[in-house]
N, C-alpha and C. Protein backbone atom coordinates (compact mmCIF):
# COMPACT_ATOMS: atom_id res chain seq x y z
N VAL A 1 0.83 -0.96 0.26
CA VAL A 1 -0.30 0.33 -0.17
C VAL A 1 0.70 1.13 0.02
N ALA A 2 1.08 1.76 -0.71
CA ALA A 2 1.84 2.91 -1.37
C ALA A 2 0.62 4.22 -1.38
N LEU A 3 0.59 5.70 0.42
CA LEU A 3 -0.49 6.27 -0.15
C LEU A 3 0.46 7.73 0.35
N ASP A 4 0.44 9.06 -0.99
CA ASP A 4 1.27 10.15 -0.81
C ASP A 4 0.37 10.78 0.70
N VAL A 5 1.58 11.90 1.62
CA VAL A 5 1.71 12.10 2.68
C VAL A 5 2.12 13.56 2.85
N THR A 6 1.14 14.43 3.23
CA THR A 6 1.85 15.81 2.99
C THR A 6 0.45 16.03 4.40
N PRO A 7 1.29 17.30 4.94
CA PRO A 7 0.41 18.24 6.28
C PRO A 7 -0.75 18.37 5.61
N ARG A 8 -1.16 18.33 5.81
CA ARG A 8 -2.86 18.91 7.08
C ARG A 8 -2.42 20.63 6.12
N THR A 9 -2.96 21.23 5.15
CA THR A 9 -2.45 23.07 5.01
C THR A 9 -4.11 23.70 4.12
N LEU A 10 -4.93 22.13 4.51
CA LEU A 10 -6.35 22.72 3.24
C LEU A 10 -5.63 22.50 2.01
N ASP A 11 -4.91 22.00 1.10
CA ASP A 11 -4.85 21.69 0.12
C ASP A 11 -3.73 23.05 -0.88
N ASP A 12 -3.16 23.91 0.87
CA ASP A 12 -2.29 24.89 -0.29
C ASP A 12 -1.76 24.44 -0.88
N ALA A 13 -0.79 24.00 -1.77
CA ALA A 13 0.79 22.86 -1.93
C ALA A 13 1.08 24.70 -1.65
N THR A 14 1.15 25.83 -1.58
CA THR A 14 2.12 26.40 -1.48
C THR A 14 3.21 26.92 -0.16
N ARG A 15 1.94 26.48 1.01
CA ARG A 15 2.19 26.36 1.90
C ARG A 15 2.64 24.46 2.96
N GLN A 16 2.85 23.86 1.40
CA GLN A 16 2.96 22.43 2.84
C GLN A 16 5.19 22.65 1.78
N TYR A 17 5.99 21.77 2.87
CA TYR A 17 6.81 21.95 2.93
C TYR A 17 8.36 20.87 2.78
N VAL A 18 7.18 19.53 2.76
CA VAL A 18 7.53 18.59 3.46
C VAL A 18 6.79 17.58 2.70
N ARG A 19 7.27 16.23 1.51
CA ARG A 19 6.12 15.90 1.48
C ARG A 19 7.16 14.59 1.65
N ALA A 20 6.27 12.74 0.92
CA ALA A 20 6.73 11.86 1.46
C ALA A 20 5.66 10.33 0.35
N THR A 21 6.09 10.14 -0.10
CA THR A 21 5.34 8.42 -0.10
C THR A 21 5.18 6.78 1.29
N LEU A 22 4.28 7.08 1.91
CA LEU A 22 4.59 5.91 2.80
C LEU A 22 3.88 4.96 2.17
N VAL A 23 5.36 4.31 2.31
CA VAL A 23 5.24 2.33 1.95
C VAL A 23 4.71 1.42 3.11
N LEU A 24 3.52 1.19 2.84
CA LEU A 24 3.42 -0.26 3.82
C LEU A 24 2.46 -1.15 3.54
N THR A 25 3.97 -2.38 3.42
CA THR A 25 3.82 -3.82 3.15
C THR A 25 3.05 -5.05 3.89
N LEU A 26 2.67 -5.39 3.17
CA LEU A 26 1.00 -6.64 4.24
C LEU A 26 2.25 -7.58 4.00
N ASP A 27 1.27 -8.46 4.43
CA ASP A 27 1.44 -9.77 4.53
C ASP A 27 0.77 -10.75 4.29
N ALA A 28 0.40 -11.98 3.49
CA ALA A 28 -0.94 -12.42 3.68
C ALA A 28 -1.60 -12.73 5.30
N SER A 29 -0.67 -12.67 6.42
CA SER A 29 -1.36 -13.24 7.79
C SER A 29 -1.66 -11.48 8.36
N TYR A 30 -1.26 -10.52 7.64
CA TYR A 30 -2.11 -9.39 8.15
C TYR A 30 -3.08 -9.84 8.11
N PRO A 31 -4.13 -8.73 9.64
CA PRO A 31 -3.82 -8.49 10.72
C PRO A 31 -3.23 -8.38 11.57
N GLU A 32 -2.93 -10.25 12.01
CA GLU A 32 -2.53 -10.84 12.66
C GLU A 32 -0.69 -10.36 12.58
N SER A 33 -0.40 -10.57 11.53
CA SER A 33 1.61 -9.32 11.72
C SER A 33 1.43 -8.07 10.81
N SER A 34 2.33 -7.01 11.79
CA SER A 34 2.29 -5.31 11.51
C SER A 34 2.84 -5.54 9.90
N PRO A 35 2.30 -4.50 9.06
CA PRO A 35 2.87 -4.31 8.08
C PRO A 35 4.45 -3.63 8.45
N SER A 36 5.23 -3.80 6.74
CA SER A 36 6.75 -3.00 7.60
C SER A 36 6.39 -1.33 6.81
N ILE A 37 7.57 -0.45 7.00
CA ILE A 37 7.24 1.03 7.37
C ILE A 37 8.09 1.05 6.56
N ASN A 38 8.00 2.47 5.30
CA ASN A 38 8.85 2.54 4.33
C ASN A 38 8.67 3.95 4.34
N LEU A 39 9.01 4.62 3.70
CA LEU A 39 9.02 6.02 3.52
C LEU A 39 10.02 5.98 2.00
N THR A 40 9.03 6.77 1.21
CA THR A 40 10.01 6.38 -0.25
C THR A 40 9.78 8.31 -0.91
N ASP A 41 10.62 9.04 -1.88
CA ASP A 41 10.26 10.37 -2.39
C ASP A 41 9.92 10.91 -1.31
N ALA A 42 10.44 11.14 -0.59
CA ALA A 42 10.61 12.63 0.32
C ALA A 42 11.46 13.57 -0.08
N ARG A 43 10.95 14.84 -0.11
CA ARG A 43 11.30 15.85 -0.27
C ARG A 43 11.00 17.07 0.78
N GLY A 44 11.90 17.59 1.32
CA GLY A 44 11.92 18.37 1.87
C GLY A 44 12.41 17.79 3.68
N LEU A 45 12.28 16.61 3.33
CA LEU A 45 12.90 16.39 5.01
C LEU A 45 14.54 15.81 4.77
N ASP A 46 14.65 15.93 5.63
CA ASP A 46 16.46 15.43 5.43
C ASP A 46 16.65 14.03 6.60
N ASP A 47 17.75 13.07 6.86
CA ASP A 47 17.58 12.15 7.00
C ASP A 47 16.86 12.03 9.00
N ARG A 48 17.40 12.96 8.85
CA ARG A 48 16.70 13.10 10.47
C ARG A 48 15.26 13.25 10.90
N ARG A 49 14.55 14.26 9.76
CA ARG A 49 13.18 14.66 9.74
C ARG A 49 12.72 13.61 9.21
N GLN A 50 13.46 12.37 8.06
CA GLN A 50 12.68 11.06 8.34
C GLN A 50 12.43 10.23 9.00
N GLY A 51 12.89 10.20 9.53
CA GLY A 51 13.88 9.45 11.21
C GLY A 51 12.50 9.63 11.98
N VAL A 52 12.98 11.01 12.78
CA VAL A 52 11.68 11.00 13.31
C VAL A 52 9.55 10.90 12.61
N VAL A 53 9.53 10.97 11.71
CA VAL A 53 8.45 9.77 11.06
C VAL A 53 8.33 8.73 11.01
N LEU A 54 9.50 8.14 10.55
CA LEU A 54 9.47 7.16 10.51
C LEU A 54 9.25 6.12 12.44
N ASP A 55 9.95 7.38 13.50
CA ASP A 55 9.55 6.76 14.55
C ASP A 55 8.04 6.61 14.70
N ALA A 56 7.40 7.72 14.85
CA ALA A 56 6.68 8.06 14.71
C ALA A 56 4.88 7.00 14.08
N LEU A 57 5.26 6.04 13.13
CA LEU A 57 5.07 5.39 13.24
C LEU A 57 5.21 4.09 13.34
N GLN A 58 5.93 3.50 13.85
CA GLN A 58 6.67 2.29 14.70
C GLN A 58 6.34 3.12 16.05
N THR A 59 6.47 4.43 16.52
CA THR A 59 5.45 4.19 18.10
C THR A 59 4.24 3.94 18.15
N ALA A 60 3.66 4.26 17.40
CA ALA A 60 1.60 4.28 17.51
C ALA A 60 1.89 2.79 17.10
N ARG A 61 2.04 1.76 15.79
CA ARG A 61 2.18 0.40 16.01
C ARG A 61 2.69 -0.61 16.90
N VAL A 62 3.45 0.09 18.17
CA VAL A 62 3.74 -0.87 18.91
C VAL A 62 2.80 -0.58 19.68
N GLU A 63 2.16 0.62 20.71
CA GLU A 63 1.38 1.41 21.92
C GLU A 63 0.10 1.10 20.95
N CYS A 64 -0.30 1.97 20.45
CA CYS A 64 -1.49 2.37 20.14
C CYS A 64 -2.34 1.25 19.68
N ALA A 65 -1.93 -0.03 19.49
CA ALA A 65 -2.84 -1.23 18.74
C ALA A 65 -2.17 -2.34 19.46
N SER A 66 -2.84 -3.28 19.70
CA SER A 66 -2.78 -4.94 19.81
C SER A 66 -2.63 -5.93 19.11
N ALA A 67 -1.53 -7.05 19.47
CA ALA A 67 -1.30 -7.83 18.37
C ALA A 67 -3.07 -8.01 17.32
N GLY A 68 -2.43 -8.50 17.04
CA GLY A 68 -4.06 -8.47 15.28
C GLY A 68 -4.71 -7.47 14.32
N ASP A 69 -5.43 -6.49 15.19
CA ASP A 69 -5.74 -4.96 15.35
C ASP A 69 -4.91 -4.41 13.81
N PRO A 70 -6.29 -4.32 13.08
CA PRO A 70 -5.68 -3.39 12.39
C PRO A 70 -5.49 -2.92 12.07
N VAL A 71 -4.06 -1.55 11.97
CA VAL A 71 -3.26 -0.53 12.08
C VAL A 71 -2.78 0.54 10.80
N LEU A 72 -4.15 0.15 9.68
CA LEU A 72 -3.41 0.72 8.36
C LEU A 72 -3.71 2.63 8.75
N ALA A 73 -4.85 2.14 8.88
CA ALA A 73 -5.68 4.31 9.18
C ALA A 73 -4.97 4.55 10.26
N LEU A 74 -4.72 3.90 11.24
CA LEU A 74 -3.85 4.08 12.39
C LEU A 74 -2.58 4.99 12.05
N LEU A 75 -2.01 4.79 11.27
CA LEU A 75 -0.31 4.43 10.36
C LEU A 75 -1.00 5.51 9.62
N CYS A 76 -1.57 5.47 8.38
CA CYS A 76 -2.08 6.90 8.23
C CYS A 76 -1.70 8.06 8.54
N GLU A 77 -3.09 7.54 9.89
CA GLU A 77 -3.04 9.60 10.19
C GLU A 77 -1.94 9.52 10.86
N THR A 78 -2.00 8.75 11.70
CA THR A 78 -0.23 9.47 12.35
C THR A 78 1.27 10.11 10.89
N ALA A 79 1.00 9.61 10.18
CA ALA A 79 2.46 10.01 9.66
C ALA A 79 1.05 11.41 8.62
N PHE A 80 0.20 11.59 8.63
CA PHE A 80 -0.34 13.29 8.10
C PHE A 80 -0.02 14.12 9.03
N GLU A 81 -0.24 13.59 10.49
CA GLU A 81 -0.04 14.23 11.72
C GLU A 81 1.35 14.87 11.64
N THR A 82 2.01 14.11 11.61
CA THR A 82 3.22 14.11 11.79
C THR A 82 4.32 14.61 10.54
N MET A 83 3.66 15.43 9.72
CA MET A 83 3.80 15.49 8.33
C MET A 83 3.58 16.81 8.67
N THR A 84 2.39 17.29 9.26
CA THR A 84 1.83 18.57 9.54
C THR A 84 2.95 19.30 11.03
N THR A 85 3.47 18.39 11.31
CA THR A 85 4.14 19.15 12.39
C THR A 85 5.72 19.01 12.12
N LEU A 86 6.20 18.84 10.85
CA LEU A 86 7.17 18.61 10.49
C LEU A 86 7.04 19.90 8.95
N ASN A 87 5.89 20.33 9.07
CA ASN A 87 5.40 21.21 7.95
C ASN A 87 6.50 23.07 8.33
N HIS A 88 7.48 22.28 8.31
CA HIS A 88 8.56 24.03 7.64
C HIS A 88 9.77 23.78 7.00
N PRO A 89 10.04 24.92 6.37
CA PRO A 89 11.28 24.47 5.92
C PRO A 89 12.65 25.18 6.54
N ASP A 90 13.51 23.91 6.14
CA ASP A 90 13.98 23.72 7.19
C ASP A 90 15.93 23.78 6.86
N GLY A 91 16.56 23.78 7.16
CA GLY A 91 18.28 23.82 6.45
C GLY A 91 18.39 25.56 6.21
N ASP A 92 19.35 25.71 5.73
CA ASP A 92 20.03 27.25 4.75
C ASP A 92 19.98 27.77 3.82
N CYS A 93 19.95 29.00 3.86
CA CYS A 93 19.50 29.62 2.47
C CYS A 93 20.86 29.53 2.21
N VAL A 94 20.46 28.60 0.36
CA VAL A 94 21.67 28.75 -0.40
C VAL A 94 23.07 30.31 -0.17
N PHE A 95 21.99 31.26 -0.19
CA PHE A 95 22.30 32.74 -1.36
C PHE A 95 23.33 33.41 0.07
N CYS A 96 22.19 33.76 1.33
CA CYS A 96 22.70 34.65 2.73
C CYS A 96 23.86 33.41 4.18
N LEU A 97 23.58 31.88 4.06
CA LEU A 97 23.67 30.84 4.41
C LEU A 97 22.47 30.95 6.19
N ASP A 98 22.27 32.07 5.84
CA ASP A 98 21.28 31.38 7.19
C ASP A 98 20.24 31.39 6.97
N ALA A 99 19.36 30.81 8.60
CA ALA A 99 18.37 28.93 8.27
C ALA A 99 17.42 29.26 7.83
N VAL A 100 17.04 28.97 6.91
CA VAL A 100 15.70 29.55 6.09
C VAL A 100 14.89 30.32 7.18
N ALA A 101 13.64 29.25 8.48
CA ALA A 101 13.46 29.88 9.17
C ALA A 101 13.43 29.38 10.36
N ARG A 102 13.29 30.59 11.26
CA ARG A 102 13.93 30.26 12.59
C ARG A 102 13.22 29.28 13.18
N ALA A 103 13.78 29.04 15.02
CA ALA A 103 13.34 28.05 15.36
C ALA A 103 11.42 28.60 15.99
N ALA A 104 10.86 27.94 17.20
CA ALA A 104 9.23 27.87 16.64
C ALA A 104 9.82 29.12 18.64
N GLY A 105 9.12 30.87 18.15
CA GLY A 105 9.26 31.45 19.46
C GLY A 105 10.32 32.73 19.23
N GLU A 106 11.11 32.03 17.83
CA GLU A 106 12.21 33.68 17.93
C GLU A 106 12.38 34.43 17.62
N GLU A 107 11.12 34.78 16.73
CA GLU A 107 11.22 36.21 16.40
C GLU A 107 10.39 36.86 17.69
N GLU A 108 9.68 36.21 18.27
CA GLU A 108 9.27 37.41 19.48
C GLU A 108 10.31 36.80 20.65
N ASP A 109 11.81 36.55 20.24
CA ASP A 109 13.05 36.59 21.13
C ASP A 109 13.57 37.81 21.15
N GLU A 110 13.94 37.67 19.73
CA GLU A 110 14.79 38.90 18.46
C GLU A 110 14.51 39.45 18.00
N GLU A 111 14.29 41.09 18.52
CA GLU A 111 13.70 42.53 18.28
C GLU A 111 14.20 42.50 17.33
N GLY A 112 14.14 42.61 15.60
CA GLY A 112 14.88 43.61 15.03
C GLY A 112 16.58 42.88 15.22
N GLY A 113 16.87 41.59 15.48
CA GLY A 113 17.92 40.76 15.59
C GLY A 113 17.77 39.77 14.05
N GLY A 114 19.01 39.06 13.64
CA GLY A 114 19.15 38.44 12.61
C GLY A 114 19.76 38.96 11.49
N GLY A 115 19.39 38.78 10.03
CA GLY A 115 20.31 39.40 8.94
C GLY A 115 19.91 40.22 9.31
N GLY A 116 19.35 40.76 9.16
CA GLY A 116 18.91 42.13 8.33
C GLY A 116 19.42 42.80 7.03
N ASP A 117 20.31 43.72 6.48
CA ASP A 117 20.52 44.41 6.17
C ASP A 117 21.86 43.54 5.88
N GLY A 118 22.68 43.28 6.27
CA GLY A 118 24.00 42.64 6.25
C GLY A 118 24.22 40.90 5.15
N GLY A 119 23.05 40.88 4.81
CA GLY A 119 22.38 39.73 3.23
C GLY A 119 21.82 38.61 4.39
N GLY A 120 22.33 38.55 5.49
CA GLY A 120 21.11 37.05 6.17
C GLY A 120 19.44 37.59 5.50
N GLY A 121 19.16 36.47 5.86
CA GLY A 121 17.27 36.04 6.01
C GLY A 121 16.42 36.06 7.12
N GLY A 122 17.34 36.16 8.51
CA GLY A 122 16.25 36.75 9.35
C GLY A 122 16.39 37.71 9.86
N GLY A 123 15.51 39.13 9.17
CA GLY A 123 15.25 40.31 9.77
C GLY A 123 13.98 40.22 9.63
N GLY A 124 13.31 40.75 10.16
CA GLY A 124 12.03 41.14 9.67
C GLY A 124 11.06 41.13 8.20
N GLY A 125 9.59 41.42 9.09
CA GLY A 125 9.46 41.97 7.31
C GLY A 125 9.68 40.53 5.85
N ASP A 126 9.65 41.34 5.17
CA ASP A 126 9.87 40.75 3.50
C ASP A 126 11.34 39.74 3.90
N GLU A 127 12.05 40.54 4.69
CA GLU A 127 13.28 39.27 5.03
C GLU A 127 13.27 38.04 4.95
N ASN A 128 11.74 37.48 5.81
CA ASN A 128 11.78 36.03 6.81
C ASN A 128 10.63 35.26 5.41
N VAL A 129 10.17 35.98 3.71
CA VAL A 129 9.62 35.51 3.00
C VAL A 129 10.28 34.45 2.13
N VAL A 130 9.89 33.28 2.49
CA VAL A 130 10.53 32.06 2.43
C VAL A 130 10.08 31.70 0.62
N LYS A 131 11.07 30.86 -0.25
CA LYS A 131 10.18 30.89 -1.42
C LYS A 131 11.29 29.47 -1.76
N MET A 132 10.59 28.42 -2.56
CA MET A 132 9.96 27.15 -2.74
C MET A 132 10.20 26.64 -4.30
N THR A 133 11.61 26.30 -4.64
CA THR A 133 11.82 25.34 -5.20
C THR A 133 10.59 23.81 -6.29
N ARG A 134 10.60 23.21 -7.35
CA ARG A 134 9.53 22.52 -7.30
C ARG A 134 10.41 20.89 -6.44
N CYS A 135 11.70 21.30 -6.35
CA CYS A 135 12.68 20.22 -5.80
C CYS A 135 12.68 19.79 -3.76
N TYR A 136 11.35 21.54 -3.95
CA TYR A 136 11.25 21.80 -2.57
C TYR A 136 12.58 22.27 -1.68
N HIS A 137 13.38 22.64 -2.05
CA HIS A 137 14.80 23.72 -1.78
C HIS A 137 13.59 25.07 -1.75
N CYS A 138 14.36 25.76 -0.47
CA CYS A 138 13.92 26.34 -0.20
C CYS A 138 15.01 27.37 0.93
N PHE A 139 14.49 29.17 0.07
CA PHE A 139 15.94 29.92 -0.19
C PHE A 139 14.74 31.32 0.62
N HIS A 140 15.33 32.58 0.68
CA HIS A 140 15.10 33.29 1.38
C HIS A 140 13.89 34.77 0.21
N ALA A 141 13.08 34.89 -0.29
CA ALA A 141 13.11 35.09 -1.72
C ALA A 141 14.25 36.88 -1.28
N ALA A 142 14.33 37.74 -0.23
CA ALA A 142 14.90 38.90 -0.82
C ALA A 142 16.31 38.25 -0.74
N CYS A 143 16.54 37.78 -0.34
CA CYS A 143 18.92 36.65 -0.98
C CYS A 143 18.03 36.35 -2.44
N PHE A 144 17.25 36.38 -2.74
CA PHE A 144 17.19 35.58 -4.37
C PHE A 144 16.91 37.26 -4.99
N ALA A 145 16.71 38.28 -4.12
CA ALA A 145 15.77 39.82 -5.31
C ALA A 145 16.60 39.96 -5.43
N ARG A 146 18.61 39.59 -4.33
CA ARG A 146 19.79 40.68 -4.72
C ARG A 146 20.60 40.32 -5.36
N TRP A 147 20.43 38.51 -4.83
CA TRP A 147 21.50 37.68 -6.10
C TRP A 147 21.82 38.54 -7.50
N TRP A 148 19.72 37.94 -8.22
CA TRP A 148 19.57 38.08 -8.63
C TRP A 148 20.68 39.83 -9.79
N ARG A 149 19.71 40.61 -9.22
CA ARG A 149 20.22 42.09 -9.19
C ARG A 149 21.89 42.10 -9.42
N TRP A 150 22.07 41.20 -8.20
CA TRP A 150 23.66 41.57 -9.27
C TRP A 150 24.43 40.77 -10.45
N ARG A 151 22.71 39.66 -10.63
CA ARG A 151 23.76 39.17 -11.45
C ARG A 151 23.36 39.58 -12.89
N LEU A 152 22.91 40.42 -12.79
CA LEU A 152 22.50 40.68 -13.79
C LEU A 152 23.20 42.17 -14.24
N GLU A 153 23.68 42.71 -12.40
CA GLU A 153 23.99 43.97 -13.01
C GLU A 153 25.82 43.20 -13.92
N THR A 154 26.28 42.30 -13.01
CA THR A 154 27.24 41.76 -13.75
C THR A 154 27.39 41.17 -15.21
N ARG A 155 26.64 40.42 -15.23
CA ARG A 155 25.71 40.72 -17.05
C ARG A 155 25.59 41.28 -17.80
N ASP A 156 25.60 42.58 -17.07
CA ASP A 156 25.83 43.45 -18.59
C ASP A 156 26.79 44.67 -18.46
N GLU A 157 27.29 44.17 -16.94
CA GLU A 157 28.95 44.97 -17.41
C GLU A 157 29.73 44.03 -18.32
N ASP A 158 29.92 42.63 -17.95
CA ASP A 158 30.53 41.27 -18.62
C ASP A 158 29.98 42.43 -20.20
N ALA A 159 28.86 42.24 -20.48
CA ALA A 159 28.52 42.57 -21.83
C ALA A 159 29.12 43.28 -22.43
N ARG A 160 30.06 44.71 -21.60
CA ARG A 160 30.05 45.68 -21.89
C ARG A 160 31.82 46.15 -21.77
N ALA A 161 32.12 44.89 -20.81
CA ALA A 161 34.01 45.24 -21.09
C ALA A 161 34.67 44.43 -22.28
N SER A 162 33.10 43.24 -22.84
CA SER A 162 33.87 42.44 -24.33
C SER A 162 33.77 43.07 -25.28
N GLY A 163 32.87 44.11 -24.84
CA GLY A 163 32.50 45.03 -26.32
C GLY A 163 31.59 44.48 -27.53
N PRO A 164 31.75 44.69 -28.08
CA PRO A 164 31.28 45.08 -29.48
C PRO A 164 31.69 43.35 -30.40
N ALA A 165 30.98 41.71 -30.60
CA ALA A 165 31.66 40.83 -31.03
C ALA A 165 31.36 41.07 -32.64
């Protein structure tokens, strides 16, 4: 059984920073035997966060069901809940190398701290807007905009320096 698992965002794909396919392998003796659990095609989840999902699924399978109980619905629900909990960009912005998303509660603790005008994405307002590619890589929109302006300027300078062809 394979199920695409995304966070609960009211089907707003622009707010889904993680996804994976949950693969539950059943044998002929199910439900007497438990299914094997695997995640494939994970996006936005590093190895550590994939481990969090798998640990939650293993815990649900062991602690919430008695031997012989059907567990497919429980495992699917646990996967959706865990993906919703993990639904935030993780890692560093490829442009400024600051964390893409702050830890929960950090916004209140830091007044005006973070990257600001120094190229970092951790400041306030527009600096915190995160963009995501189709392959689930994330970066600060402001950092991309600064890079893009720089790239256009250097391209124009290179064209002027090389003169007519």
